[in-house]
Amino acid sequence: MARTAFVTGSAGFIGFHTCKRLLAEGWTVIGLDAMTDYYDVTLKQRRHAMLLQSQGFTALEQRLETPGVLMEVFETHRPDVVIHLAAQAGVRYSIDAPRSYVEANLIGTFELLEAARAYPPAHMLLASTSSAFGANTVMPYAETHKADTQMSFYAATKKATENMAHSYAHLYDLPTTMFRFFTVYGPWGRPDMALFKFTSAILEGRPIDVYNHGNMQRDFTYIDDLVEGILRLIEAAPQRPATADDISPVDSLSPVAPFRVVNIGNGQPSQLGTFIEAIETALGQTATKNFMDMQPGDVPATWADDSLLKELVGAIPRTELQTGVQAFVDWYRKDYRPD
C-alpha cells in the first residue's frame, strides 16, 4: 500500500518539484496551497494542474493559518509523512508586509504542529532557510553554529518555526527534521528570485540590479539536487538520544528531542558575477548592470557545510551552475515565455 505524504505549499516552486518526485516514486500525495498572489497565481495553477494529471495527487486550496483546516486534513488522510514547505517567502517583502509572515509562517506552522500532535505522522520535515544563520561570518555554515542574529523579519520567523517545532518534538515525541535551504533555483522557479528577474530583464533589454556592487556569493542549489536530499531524509527520521554522548560532533540532533536541523545546499558557493555570466551564456546576450548598495536585511554570502547531510544520507548530486542555469533558461523560453 502506498504511503501518504502531506505536502504544504504544493503549488510553490519547491513544493511542486517535491510532489512530482514523490508521485513518480509511488506515493499518495495530499497537497495544500493557499494560492496567494505574492507572485503570478497562474504559475501556481499550472504547477497544480500538472500534478493533478496523476491519480495519486489530491489538491486542497486552503490557508494554513485558518483554524481547523489542517486538523481536518490530518484527521481525514492520516499522513505517514509531512513535508511543510508553505511559507510567506522573501527577505525584501518582509520589510513591506511583515504581518503576512506572522500569519503564514508562525500561525500556519502552529496549526500544523497542533494537527501533528493530534494525529502523529512518522516523520515531520519542515522547511527553514539559510537566512536563519543571519550575521554569522564563520563559513561554511554548519548546523551546530549558533543562529541567533537574524537580519530580516523573514529569517526571524523561520528561526522561530525551528524553535516551535523543537518544543513539540520534545513534548510530544514527534520526529522532526528542519531543512535549511540554500538559494534554490531551476525550472518553474519563483518570479521574485534573481535568476527569474535577471533572465526576464536581459531578454527585454532592461538593466539588472546588482546589489552590494556585485560583492556577493551564494551557495546556489539546483532544484533536483535539493529534492533528492528531501526524499532521502524522509527515511532518516531522528530519534531521541539516550545521552548527549550519543550525538556525533557534526550532528545537530537535540539532546532532549527527536529533532535535528539539516543544511541542504550545493556546498560550494559561487560569486554573483559568475552566476550572471552563466545566465548571459545561456541566453547568448550580455546584461547591462546597475550596481547598487546592499539591500536591508540581506547578507553578503552563504555557504552550506553539507557534512551532516552526507553522514545521514550520503552525498547528493551537485549540478553544475551553468548546467542548472541553462535548464532554467530552456524552460523559460519554451514553457514560460514562448518566443
C-alpha atoms as a PDB file:
ATOM      1  CA  MET A   1       0.000   0.000   0.000  1.00  0.00           C
ATOM      2  CA  ALA A   2       1.310   3.427  -0.975  1.00  0.00           C
ATOM      3  CA  ARG A   3       2.427   5.676   1.823  1.00  0.00           C
ATOM      4  CA  THR A   4       0.751   9.070   2.120  1.00  0.00           C
ATOM      5  CA  ALA A   5       2.673  12.344   2.201  1.00  0.00           C
ATOM      6  CA  PHE A   6       1.060  15.656   3.105  1.00  0.00           C
ATOM      7  CA  VAL A   7       2.911  18.499   1.379  1.00  0.00           C
ATOM      8  CA  THR A   8       2.131  22.125   2.191  1.00  0.00           C
ATOM      9  CA  GLY A   9       2.969  24.712  -0.432  1.00  0.00           C
ATOM     10  CA  SER A  10       2.402  22.103  -3.145  1.00  0.00           C
ATOM     11  CA  ALA A  11       1.841  24.721  -5.863  1.00  0.00           C
ATOM     12  CA  GLY A  12       5.064  26.501  -4.932  1.00  0.00           C
ATOM     13  CA  PHE A  13       8.409  26.086  -6.630  1.00  0.00           C
ATOM     14  CA  ILE A  14       9.965  23.545  -4.246  1.00  0.00           C
ATOM     15  CA  GLY A  15       6.621  22.000  -3.309  1.00  0.00           C
ATOM     16  CA  PHE A  16       5.736  21.275  -6.936  1.00  0.00           C
ATOM     17  CA  HIS A  17       9.030  19.523  -7.638  1.00  0.00           C
ATOM     18  CA  THR A  18       8.833  17.573  -4.378  1.00  0.00           C
ATOM     19  CA  CYS A  19       5.288  16.368  -5.109  1.00  0.00           C
ATOM     20  CA  LYS A  20       6.244  15.438  -8.653  1.00  0.00           C
ATOM     21  CA  ARG A  21       9.096  13.278  -7.409  1.00  0.00           C
ATOM     22  CA  LEU A  22       7.009  11.666  -4.646  1.00  0.00           C
ATOM     23  CA  LEU A  23       4.301  10.760  -7.153  1.00  0.00           C
ATOM     24  CA  ALA A  24       6.880   9.270  -9.512  1.00  0.00           C
ATOM     25  CA  GLU A  25       8.042   7.046  -6.649  1.00  0.00           C
ATOM     26  CA  GLY A  26       4.537   5.764  -5.931  1.00  0.00           C
ATOM     27  CA  TRP A  27       3.461   7.921  -3.001  1.00  0.00           C
ATOM     28  CA  THR A  28      -0.064   9.158  -2.444  1.00  0.00           C
ATOM     29  CA  VAL A  29       0.291  12.914  -2.070  1.00  0.00           C
ATOM     30  CA  ILE A  30      -2.096  15.380  -0.456  1.00  0.00           C
ATOM     31  CA  GLY A  31      -1.045  18.870  -1.496  1.00  0.00           C
ATOM     32  CA  LEU A  32      -2.240  22.072   0.140  1.00  0.00           C
ATOM     33  CA  ASP A  33      -1.630  25.594  -1.142  1.00  0.00           C
ATOM     34  CA  ALA A  34      -3.258  28.952  -0.431  1.00  0.00           C
ATOM     35  CA  MET A  35      -2.649  30.231  -3.989  1.00  0.00           C
ATOM     36  CA  THR A  36      -1.756  33.671  -2.639  1.00  0.00           C
ATOM     37  CA  ASP A  37      -0.978  36.476  -5.086  1.00  0.00           C
ATOM     38  CA  TYR A  38       2.552  37.196  -3.808  1.00  0.00           C
ATOM     39  CA  TYR A  39       3.517  36.276  -7.360  1.00  0.00           C
ATOM     40  CA  ASP A  40       1.722  35.154 -10.539  1.00  0.00           C
ATOM     41  CA  VAL A  41      -1.063  32.796  -9.428  1.00  0.00           C
ATOM     42  CA  THR A  42      -1.268  31.412 -12.969  1.00  0.00           C
ATOM     43  CA  LEU A  43       2.162  29.845 -12.473  1.00  0.00           C
ATOM     44  CA  LYS A  44       0.937  28.120  -9.305  1.00  0.00           C
ATOM     45  CA  GLN A  45      -2.217  26.917 -11.057  1.00  0.00           C
ATOM     46  CA  ARG A  46      -0.148  25.443 -13.880  1.00  0.00           C
ATOM     47  CA  ARG A  47       2.019  23.552 -11.404  1.00  0.00           C
ATOM     48  CA  HIS A  48      -1.018  22.076  -9.632  1.00  0.00           C
ATOM     49  CA  ALA A  49      -2.613  21.198 -12.976  1.00  0.00           C
ATOM     50  CA  MET A  50       0.463  19.154 -13.881  1.00  0.00           C
ATOM     51  CA  LEU A  51       0.386  17.332 -10.547  1.00  0.00           C
ATOM     52  CA  LEU A  52      -3.325  16.603 -10.933  1.00  0.00           C
ATOM     53  CA  GLN A  53      -2.521  14.549 -14.018  1.00  0.00           C
ATOM     54  CA  SER A  54      -1.505  11.874 -11.505  1.00  0.00           C
ATOM     55  CA  GLN A  55      -4.300   9.904  -9.825  1.00  0.00           C
ATOM     56  CA  GLY A  56      -2.217   9.824  -6.672  1.00  0.00           C
ATOM     57  CA  PHE A  57      -2.438  13.588  -6.131  1.00  0.00           C
ATOM     58  CA  THR A  58      -5.158  15.481  -4.256  1.00  0.00           C
ATOM     59  CA  ALA A  59      -5.108  19.286  -4.321  1.00  0.00           C
ATOM     60  CA  LEU A  60      -6.506  21.397  -1.483  1.00  0.00           C
ATOM     61  CA  GLU A  61      -6.735  25.183  -1.770  1.00  0.00           C
ATOM     62  CA  GLN A  62      -6.755  26.440   1.814  1.00  0.00           C
ATOM     63  CA  ARG A  63      -4.787  28.724   4.088  1.00  0.00           C
ATOM     64  CA  LEU A  64      -2.602  27.027   6.687  1.00  0.00           C
ATOM     65  CA  GLU A  65      -3.481  29.562   9.343  1.00  0.00           C
ATOM     66  CA  THR A  66      -7.245  29.071   9.118  1.00  0.00           C
ATOM     67  CA  PRO A  67      -8.242  27.346  12.381  1.00  0.00           C
ATOM     68  CA  GLY A  68      -9.288  23.725  11.918  1.00  0.00           C
ATOM     69  CA  VAL A  69      -8.187  23.328   8.285  1.00  0.00           C
ATOM     70  CA  LEU A  70      -5.057  21.303   8.993  1.00  0.00           C
ATOM     71  CA  MET A  71      -6.680  19.347  11.802  1.00  0.00           C
ATOM     72  CA  GLU A  72      -9.313  18.153   9.320  1.00  0.00           C
ATOM     73  CA  VAL A  73      -6.659  17.227   6.753  1.00  0.00           C
ATOM     74  CA  PHE A  74      -4.754  15.134   9.304  1.00  0.00           C
ATOM     75  CA  GLU A  75      -7.919  13.505  10.632  1.00  0.00           C
ATOM     76  CA  THR A  76      -9.114  12.580   7.129  1.00  0.00           C
ATOM     77  CA  HIS A  77      -5.847  11.486   5.496  1.00  0.00           C
ATOM     78  CA  ARG A  78      -3.624  10.407   8.428  1.00  0.00           C
ATOM     79  CA  PRO A  79      -0.385  11.193   6.567  1.00  0.00           C
ATOM     80  CA  ASP A  80       2.650   8.992   7.175  1.00  0.00           C
ATOM     81  CA  VAL A  81       4.994  11.859   6.398  1.00  0.00           C
ATOM     82  CA  VAL A  82       4.526  15.642   6.464  1.00  0.00           C
ATOM     83  CA  ILE A  83       6.672  17.957   4.325  1.00  0.00           C
ATOM     84  CA  HIS A  84       5.953  21.539   5.319  1.00  0.00           C
ATOM     85  CA  LEU A  85       7.162  23.883   2.573  1.00  0.00           C
ATOM     86  CA  ALA A  86       4.421  26.534   2.640  1.00  0.00           C
ATOM     87  CA  ALA A  87       5.539  29.935   3.880  1.00  0.00           C
ATOM     88  CA  GLN A  88       5.485  33.574   3.055  1.00  0.00           C
ATOM     89  CA  ALA A  89       8.878  33.869   1.401  1.00  0.00           C
ATOM     90  CA  GLY A  90      11.184  36.737   0.527  1.00  0.00           C
ATOM     91  CA  VAL A  91      13.647  38.794   2.545  1.00  0.00           C
ATOM     92  CA  ARG A  92      12.721  42.133   0.986  1.00  0.00           C
ATOM     93  CA  TYR A  93       8.948  41.697   1.080  1.00  0.00           C
ATOM     94  CA  SER A  94       9.140  41.015   4.818  1.00  0.00           C
ATOM     95  CA  ILE A  95      10.064  44.674   5.310  1.00  0.00           C
ATOM     96  CA  ASP A  96       6.921  45.813   3.486  1.00  0.00           C
ATOM     97  CA  ALA A  97       4.386  43.246   4.729  1.00  0.00           C
ATOM     98  CA  PRO A  98       5.589  41.682   7.995  1.00  0.00           C
ATOM     99  CA  ARG A  99       2.115  40.661   9.168  1.00  0.00           C
ATOM    100  CA  SER A 100       1.782  38.163   6.318  1.00  0.00           C
ATOM    101  CA  TYR A 101       4.887  36.408   7.688  1.00  0.00           C
ATOM    102  CA  VAL A 102       3.363  36.159  11.154  1.00  0.00           C
ATOM    103  CA  GLU A 103       0.165  34.685   9.738  1.00  0.00           C
ATOM    104  CA  ALA A 104       1.631  32.176   7.272  1.00  0.00           C
ATOM    105  CA  ASN A 105       4.910  31.263   8.946  1.00  0.00           C
ATOM    106  CA  LEU A 106       4.140  31.434  12.659  1.00  0.00           C
ATOM    107  CA  ILE A 107       0.396  30.821  12.952  1.00  0.00           C
ATOM    108  CA  GLY A 108       0.380  28.450   9.982  1.00  0.00           C
ATOM    109  CA  THR A 109       3.177  26.355  11.479  1.00  0.00           C
ATOM    110  CA  PHE A 110       1.437  26.373  14.859  1.00  0.00           C
ATOM    111  CA  GLU A 111      -1.717  24.954  13.249  1.00  0.00           C
ATOM    112  CA  LEU A 112       0.397  22.258  11.593  1.00  0.00           C
ATOM    113  CA  LEU A 113       2.090  21.299  14.853  1.00  0.00           C
ATOM    114  CA  GLU A 114      -1.239  21.074  16.646  1.00  0.00           C
ATOM    115  CA  ALA A 115      -2.610  18.776  13.945  1.00  0.00           C
ATOM    116  CA  ALA A 116       0.523  16.611  14.134  1.00  0.00           C
ATOM    117  CA  ARG A 117       0.160  16.393  17.916  1.00  0.00           C
ATOM    118  CA  ALA A 118      -3.370  15.045  17.476  1.00  0.00           C
ATOM    119  CA  TYR A 119      -2.526  12.669  14.597  1.00  0.00           C
ATOM    120  CA  PRO A 120       1.233  11.992  14.772  1.00  0.00           C
ATOM    121  CA  PRO A 121       2.998  11.169  11.482  1.00  0.00           C
ATOM    122  CA  ALA A 122       6.105   9.004  11.383  1.00  0.00           C
ATOM    123  CA  HIS A 123       8.244  11.977  10.370  1.00  0.00           C
ATOM    124  CA  MET A 124       7.761  15.748  10.181  1.00  0.00           C
ATOM    125  CA  LEU A 125      10.025  17.591   7.719  1.00  0.00           C
ATOM    126  CA  LEU A 126       9.794  21.388   7.839  1.00  0.00           C
ATOM    127  CA  ALA A 127      11.496  23.988   5.676  1.00  0.00           C
ATOM    128  CA  SER A 128      13.657  26.661   7.204  1.00  0.00           C
ATOM    129  CA  THR A 129      16.245  28.796   5.423  1.00  0.00           C
ATOM    130  CA  SER A 130      19.953  29.553   5.233  1.00  0.00           C
ATOM    131  CA  SER A 131      18.925  33.097   6.208  1.00  0.00           C
ATOM    132  CA  ALA A 132      18.498  31.730   9.748  1.00  0.00           C
ATOM    133  CA  PHE A 133      22.297  31.898  10.098  1.00  0.00           C
ATOM    134  CA  GLY A 134      21.919  35.675   9.977  1.00  0.00           C
ATOM    135  CA  ALA A 135      25.038  37.702  10.749  1.00  0.00           C
ATOM    136  CA  ASN A 136      27.268  34.628  11.196  1.00  0.00           C
ATOM    137  CA  THR A 137      30.572  35.144   9.406  1.00  0.00           C
ATOM    138  CA  VAL A 138      32.184  31.746  10.056  1.00  0.00           C
ATOM    139  CA  MET A 139      31.814  29.714   6.864  1.00  0.00           C
ATOM    140  CA  PRO A 140      30.803  27.240   5.708  1.00  0.00           C
ATOM    141  CA  TYR A 141      27.647  27.435   7.810  1.00  0.00           C
ATOM    142  CA  ALA A 142      27.283  24.333   9.994  1.00  0.00           C
ATOM    143  CA  GLU A 143      24.053  23.287  11.686  1.00  0.00           C
ATOM    144  CA  THR A 144      25.862  23.304  15.037  1.00  0.00           C
ATOM    145  CA  HIS A 145      26.703  27.023  14.740  1.00  0.00           C
ATOM    146  CA  LYS A 146      24.672  29.452  16.825  1.00  0.00           C
ATOM    147  CA  ALA A 147      21.936  31.137  14.794  1.00  0.00           C
ATOM    148  CA  ASP A 148      20.636  33.978  16.946  1.00  0.00           C
ATOM    149  CA  THR A 149      21.306  37.054  14.795  1.00  0.00           C
ATOM    150  CA  GLN A 150      18.723  37.004  12.001  1.00  0.00           C
ATOM    151  CA  MET A 151      18.977  40.004   9.679  1.00  0.00           C
ATOM    152  CA  SER A 152      15.438  40.040   8.271  1.00  0.00           C
ATOM    153  CA  PHE A 153      11.972  39.503   9.678  1.00  0.00           C
ATOM    154  CA  TYR A 154      11.516  36.636   7.206  1.00  0.00           C
ATOM    155  CA  ALA A 155      14.561  34.874   8.691  1.00  0.00           C
ATOM    156  CA  ALA A 156      13.349  35.606  12.215  1.00  0.00           C
ATOM    157  CA  THR A 157      10.006  33.921  11.559  1.00  0.00           C
ATOM    158  CA  LYS A 158      11.703  30.858  10.065  1.00  0.00           C
ATOM    159  CA  LYS A 159      14.069  30.540  13.030  1.00  0.00           C
ATOM    160  CA  ALA A 160      11.015  30.867  15.277  1.00  0.00           C
ATOM    161  CA  THR A 161       9.385  27.930  13.495  1.00  0.00           C
ATOM    162  CA  GLU A 162      12.504  25.861  14.245  1.00  0.00           C
ATOM    163  CA  ASN A 163      12.118  26.653  17.940  1.00  0.00           C
ATOM    164  CA  MET A 164       8.382  25.949  17.886  1.00  0.00           C
ATOM    165  CA  ALA A 165       8.917  22.604  16.169  1.00  0.00           C
ATOM    166  CA  HIS A 166      11.633  21.650  18.649  1.00  0.00           C
ATOM    167  CA  SER A 167       9.296  22.217  21.580  1.00  0.00           C
ATOM    168  CA  TYR A 168       6.612  19.999  20.021  1.00  0.00           C
ATOM    169  CA  ALA A 169       9.196  17.324  19.178  1.00  0.00           C
ATOM    170  CA  HIS A 170      10.293  17.326  22.813  1.00  0.00           C
ATOM    171  CA  LEU A 171       6.839  17.471  24.395  1.00  0.00           C
ATOM    172  CA  TYR A 172       5.023  15.046  22.086  1.00  0.00           C
ATOM    173  CA  ASP A 173       7.862  12.876  20.751  1.00  0.00           C
ATOM    174  CA  LEU A 174       7.336  13.969  17.134  1.00  0.00           C
ATOM    175  CA  PRO A 175      10.344  13.013  14.968  1.00  0.00           C
ATOM    176  CA  THR A 176      11.179  16.299  13.229  1.00  0.00           C
ATOM    177  CA  THR A 177      13.759  17.383  10.661  1.00  0.00           C
ATOM    178  CA  MET A 178      14.192  21.067   9.821  1.00  0.00           C
ATOM    179  CA  PHE A 179      15.729  21.857   6.429  1.00  0.00           C
ATOM    180  CA  ARG A 180      17.854  24.944   5.898  1.00  0.00           C
ATOM    181  CA  PHE A 181      17.730  25.520   2.138  1.00  0.00           C
ATOM    182  CA  PHE A 182      20.438  27.446   0.279  1.00  0.00           C
ATOM    183  CA  THR A 183      19.448  29.612  -2.745  1.00  0.00           C
ATOM    184  CA  VAL A 184      17.400  27.082  -4.675  1.00  0.00           C
ATOM    185  CA  TYR A 185      16.977  27.663  -8.423  1.00  0.00           C
ATOM    186  CA  GLY A 186      15.730  25.880 -11.515  1.00  0.00           C
ATOM    187  CA  PRO A 187      12.755  25.463 -13.889  1.00  0.00           C
ATOM    188  CA  TRP A 188       9.344  26.505 -12.557  1.00  0.00           C
ATOM    189  CA  GLY A 189      11.075  28.880 -10.121  1.00  0.00           C
ATOM    190  CA  ARG A 190       9.625  31.944  -8.389  1.00  0.00           C
ATOM    191  CA  PRO A 191       9.454  35.190 -10.386  1.00  0.00           C
ATOM    192  CA  ASP A 192      10.764  37.201  -7.413  1.00  0.00           C
ATOM    193  CA  MET A 193      14.090  35.324  -7.413  1.00  0.00           C
ATOM    194  CA  ALA A 194      17.263  36.659  -9.020  1.00  0.00           C
ATOM    195  CA  LEU A 195      17.516  34.072 -11.824  1.00  0.00           C
ATOM    196  CA  PHE A 196      13.966  34.801 -12.980  1.00  0.00           C
ATOM    197  CA  LYS A 197      14.365  38.583 -12.738  1.00  0.00           C
ATOM    198  CA  PHE A 198      17.758  38.639 -14.445  1.00  0.00           C
ATOM    199  CA  THR A 199      16.609  36.410 -17.300  1.00  0.00           C
ATOM    200  CA  SER A 200      13.497  38.493 -17.903  1.00  0.00           C
ATOM    201  CA  ALA A 201      15.391  41.791 -17.820  1.00  0.00           C
ATOM    202  CA  ILE A 202      18.190  40.650 -20.142  1.00  0.00           C
ATOM    203  CA  LEU A 203      15.740  39.294 -22.724  1.00  0.00           C
ATOM    204  CA  GLU A 204      13.759  42.540 -22.609  1.00  0.00           C
ATOM    205  CA  GLY A 205      16.835  44.764 -22.824  1.00  0.00           C
ATOM    206  CA  ARG A 206      16.436  46.195 -19.317  1.00  0.00           C
ATOM    207  CA  PRO A 207      19.341  46.640 -16.876  1.00  0.00           C
ATOM    208  CA  ILE A 208      19.663  44.227 -13.967  1.00  0.00           C
ATOM    209  CA  ASP A 209      20.113  45.442 -10.384  1.00  0.00           C
ATOM    210  CA  VAL A 210      23.356  44.052  -8.935  1.00  0.00           C
ATOM    211  CA  TYR A 211      23.374  44.545  -5.162  1.00  0.00           C
ATOM    212  CA  ASN A 212      26.408  45.238  -2.988  1.00  0.00           C
ATOM    213  CA  HIS A 213      28.149  46.206  -6.247  1.00  0.00           C
ATOM    214  CA  GLY A 214      28.456  42.513  -7.092  1.00  0.00           C
ATOM    215  CA  ASN A 215      30.391  41.606  -3.939  1.00  0.00           C
ATOM    216  CA  MET A 216      28.101  38.719  -3.055  1.00  0.00           C
ATOM    217  CA  GLN A 217      28.284  34.953  -3.168  1.00  0.00           C
ATOM    218  CA  ARG A 218      25.593  32.333  -2.835  1.00  0.00           C
ATOM    219  CA  ASP A 219      25.523  28.577  -2.425  1.00  0.00           C
ATOM    220  CA  PHE A 220      23.297  28.027  -5.465  1.00  0.00           C
ATOM    221  CA  THR A 221      21.429  24.707  -5.165  1.00  0.00           C
ATOM    222  CA  TYR A 222      19.708  23.161  -8.169  1.00  0.00           C
ATOM    223  CA  ILE A 223      16.117  22.091  -7.524  1.00  0.00           C
ATOM    224  CA  ASP A 224      16.566  18.422  -8.491  1.00  0.00           C
ATOM    225  CA  ASP A 225      19.519  18.083  -6.110  1.00  0.00           C
ATOM    226  CA  LEU A 226      17.507  19.661  -3.296  1.00  0.00           C
ATOM    227  CA  VAL A 227      14.537  17.340  -3.847  1.00  0.00           C
ATOM    228  CA  GLU A 228      16.874  14.343  -3.812  1.00  0.00           C
ATOM    229  CA  GLY A 229      18.053  15.480  -0.390  1.00  0.00           C
ATOM    230  CA  ILE A 230      14.488  15.907   0.870  1.00  0.00           C
ATOM    231  CA  LEU A 231      13.397  12.455  -0.257  1.00  0.00           C
ATOM    232  CA  ARG A 232      16.435  10.739   1.218  1.00  0.00           C
ATOM    233  CA  LEU A 233      15.892  12.495   4.544  1.00  0.00           C
ATOM    234  CA  ILE A 234      12.325  11.146   4.740  1.00  0.00           C
ATOM    235  CA  GLU A 235      13.917   7.814   5.668  1.00  0.00           C
ATOM    236  CA  ALA A 236      16.269   9.394   8.239  1.00  0.00           C
ATOM    237  CA  ALA A 237      13.835  10.346  10.993  1.00  0.00           C
ATOM    238  CA  PRO A 238      15.711  11.500  14.104  1.00  0.00           C
ATOM    239  CA  GLN A 239      15.420   9.568  17.336  1.00  0.00           C
ATOM    240  CA  ARG A 240      15.671  10.998  20.830  1.00  0.00           C
ATOM    241  CA  PRO A 241      19.226  10.224  22.020  1.00  0.00           C
ATOM    242  CA  ALA A 242      19.738   8.238  25.202  1.00  0.00           C
ATOM    243  CA  THR A 243      22.519  10.615  26.280  1.00  0.00           C
ATOM    244  CA  ALA A 244      24.254  13.656  24.800  1.00  0.00           C
ATOM    245  CA  ASP A 245      27.354  11.477  24.357  1.00  0.00           C
ATOM    246  CA  ASP A 246      25.483   9.516  21.673  1.00  0.00           C
ATOM    247  CA  ILE A 247      25.407  12.545  19.341  1.00  0.00           C
ATOM    248  CA  SER A 248      28.025  12.857  16.584  1.00  0.00           C
ATOM    249  CA  PRO A 249      30.126  16.063  16.717  1.00  0.00           C
ATOM    250  CA  VAL A 250      28.686  17.200  13.357  1.00  0.00           C
ATOM    251  CA  ASP A 251      25.097  16.312  14.267  1.00  0.00           C
ATOM    252  CA  SER A 252      22.582  18.975  15.262  1.00  0.00           C
ATOM    253  CA  LEU A 253      20.412  16.322  16.957  1.00  0.00           C
ATOM    254  CA  SER A 254      18.790  17.747  20.059  1.00  0.00           C
ATOM    255  CA  PRO A 255      19.856  16.175  23.358  1.00  0.00           C
ATOM    256  CA  VAL A 256      16.229  16.313  24.555  1.00  0.00           C
ATOM    257  CA  ALA A 257      14.093  15.630  21.465  1.00  0.00           C
ATOM    258  CA  PRO A 258      13.890  13.611  18.220  1.00  0.00           C
ATOM    259  CA  PHE A 259      14.791  16.790  16.342  1.00  0.00           C
ATOM    260  CA  ARG A 260      17.595  17.984  14.097  1.00  0.00           C
ATOM    261  CA  VAL A 261      18.407  20.757  11.627  1.00  0.00           C
ATOM    262  CA  VAL A 262      19.956  19.797   8.278  1.00  0.00           C
ATOM    263  CA  ASN A 263      21.507  22.014   5.617  1.00  0.00           C
ATOM    264  CA  ILE A 264      20.632  21.205   2.020  1.00  0.00           C
ATOM    265  CA  GLY A 265      22.953  23.149  -0.239  1.00  0.00           C
ATOM    266  CA  ASN A 266      25.446  22.728  -3.015  1.00  0.00           C
ATOM    267  CA  GLY A 267      28.316  23.015  -0.562  1.00  0.00           C
ATOM    268  CA  GLN A 268      30.232  25.205  -3.000  1.00  0.00           C
ATOM    269  CA  PRO A 269      29.390  28.928  -3.273  1.00  0.00           C
ATOM    270  CA  SER A 270      29.635  30.969  -6.465  1.00  0.00           C
ATOM    271  CA  GLN A 271      30.232  34.674  -6.933  1.00  0.00           C
ATOM    272  CA  LEU A 272      27.264  36.719  -8.125  1.00  0.00           C
ATOM    273  CA  GLY A 273      29.306  37.700 -11.194  1.00  0.00           C
ATOM    274  CA  THR A 274      29.795  34.032 -12.101  1.00  0.00           C
ATOM    275  CA  PHE A 275      26.047  33.487 -11.776  1.00  0.00           C
ATOM    276  CA  ILE A 276      25.307  36.427 -14.085  1.00  0.00           C
ATOM    277  CA  GLU A 277      27.879  35.151 -16.609  1.00  0.00           C
ATOM    278  CA  ALA A 278      26.141  31.770 -16.632  1.00  0.00           C
ATOM    279  CA  ILE A 279      22.826  33.475 -17.448  1.00  0.00           C
ATOM    280  CA  GLU A 280      24.446  35.559 -20.196  1.00  0.00           C
ATOM    281  CA  THR A 281      25.984  32.429 -21.719  1.00  0.00           C
ATOM    282  CA  ALA A 282      22.695  30.527 -21.611  1.00  0.00           C
ATOM    283  CA  LEU A 283      20.825  33.439 -23.204  1.00  0.00           C
ATOM    284  CA  GLY A 284      23.540  34.416 -25.660  1.00  0.00           C
ATOM    285  CA  GLN A 285      23.088  38.033 -24.537  1.00  0.00           C
ATOM    286  CA  THR A 286      25.033  40.431 -22.337  1.00  0.00           C
ATOM    287  CA  ALA A 287      23.442  42.114 -19.332  1.00  0.00           C
ATOM    288  CA  THR A 288      23.507  45.826 -18.636  1.00  0.00           C
ATOM    289  CA  LYS A 289      24.351  46.070 -14.955  1.00  0.00           C
ATOM    290  CA  ASN A 290      23.026  48.648 -12.492  1.00  0.00           C
ATOM    291  CA  PHE A 291      25.352  48.392  -9.469  1.00  0.00           C
ATOM    292  CA  MET A 292      23.650  49.191  -6.169  1.00  0.00           C
ATOM    293  CA  ASP A 293      24.255  49.146  -2.399  1.00  0.00           C
ATOM    294  CA  MET A 294      23.286  46.146  -0.289  1.00  0.00           C
ATOM    295  CA  GLN A 295      19.580  45.873   0.434  1.00  0.00           C
ATOM    296  CA  PRO A 296      18.357  45.967   4.061  1.00  0.00           C
ATOM    297  CA  GLY A 297      18.109  42.500   5.630  1.00  0.00           C
ATOM    298  CA  ASP A 298      20.329  40.817   3.054  1.00  0.00           C
ATOM    299  CA  VAL A 299      23.646  39.063   3.714  1.00  0.00           C
ATOM    300  CA  PRO A 300      26.783  39.167   1.531  1.00  0.00           C
ATOM    301  CA  ALA A 301      27.421  35.425   1.449  1.00  0.00           C
ATOM    302  CA  THR A 302      26.020  31.960   2.134  1.00  0.00           C
ATOM    303  CA  TRP A 303      27.839  28.641   2.095  1.00  0.00           C
ATOM    304  CA  ALA A 304      26.499  25.307   3.336  1.00  0.00           C
ATOM    305  CA  ASP A 305      28.540  22.785   5.247  1.00  0.00           C
ATOM    306  CA  ASP A 306      26.952  19.557   3.970  1.00  0.00           C
ATOM    307  CA  SER A 307      28.842  17.166   6.273  1.00  0.00           C
ATOM    308  CA  LEU A 308      25.732  16.234   8.268  1.00  0.00           C
ATOM    309  CA  LEU A 309      23.633  15.591   5.171  1.00  0.00           C
ATOM    310  CA  LYS A 310      26.352  13.276   3.849  1.00  0.00           C
ATOM    311  CA  GLU A 311      26.570  11.476   7.188  1.00  0.00           C
ATOM    312  CA  LEU A 312      22.807  10.895   7.251  1.00  0.00           C
ATOM    313  CA  VAL A 313      22.001  10.007   3.621  1.00  0.00           C
ATOM    314  CA  GLY A 314      25.209  10.056   1.599  1.00  0.00           C
ATOM    315  CA  ALA A 315      26.361  12.629  -0.949  1.00  0.00           C
ATOM    316  CA  ILE A 316      23.583  14.139  -3.053  1.00  0.00           C
ATOM    317  CA  PRO A 317      24.160  15.232  -6.671  1.00  0.00           C
ATOM    318  CA  ARG A 318      25.752  18.603  -7.365  1.00  0.00           C
ATOM    319  CA  THR A 319      24.502  20.044 -10.633  1.00  0.00           C
ATOM    320  CA  GLU A 320      26.992  22.461 -12.183  1.00  0.00           C
ATOM    321  CA  LEU A 321      25.819  26.078 -12.123  1.00  0.00           C
ATOM    322  CA  GLN A 322      25.978  26.512 -15.911  1.00  0.00           C
ATOM    323  CA  THR A 323      24.006  23.284 -16.434  1.00  0.00           C
ATOM    324  CA  GLY A 324      21.306  24.316 -13.971  1.00  0.00           C
ATOM    325  CA  VAL A 325      21.012  27.854 -15.333  1.00  0.00           C
ATOM    326  CA  GLN A 326      20.779  26.505 -18.888  1.00  0.00           C
ATOM    327  CA  ALA A 327      17.923  24.201 -17.808  1.00  0.00           C
ATOM    328  CA  PHE A 328      16.078  27.183 -16.339  1.00  0.00           C
ATOM    329  CA  VAL A 329      16.598  29.330 -19.438  1.00  0.00           C
ATOM    330  CA  ASP A 330      15.417  26.491 -21.702  1.00  0.00           C
ATOM    331  CA  TRP A 331      12.251  26.159 -19.582  1.00  0.00           C
ATOM    332  CA  TYR A 332      11.705  29.927 -19.512  1.00  0.00           C
ATOM    333  CA  ARG A 333      11.886  30.216 -23.285  1.00  0.00           C
ATOM    334  CA  LYS A 334       9.876  27.086 -24.033  1.00  0.00           C
ATOM    335  CA  ASP A 335       7.192  26.978 -21.341  1.00  0.00           C
ATOM    336  CA  TYR A 336       7.020  30.300 -19.558  1.00  0.00           C
ATOM    337  CA  ARG A 337       7.718  32.908 -22.211  1.00  0.00           C
ATOM    338  CA  PRO A 338       7.426  31.252 -25.601  1.00  0.00           C
ATOM    339  CA  ASP A 339       9.006  33.334 -28.382  1.00  0.00           C
END
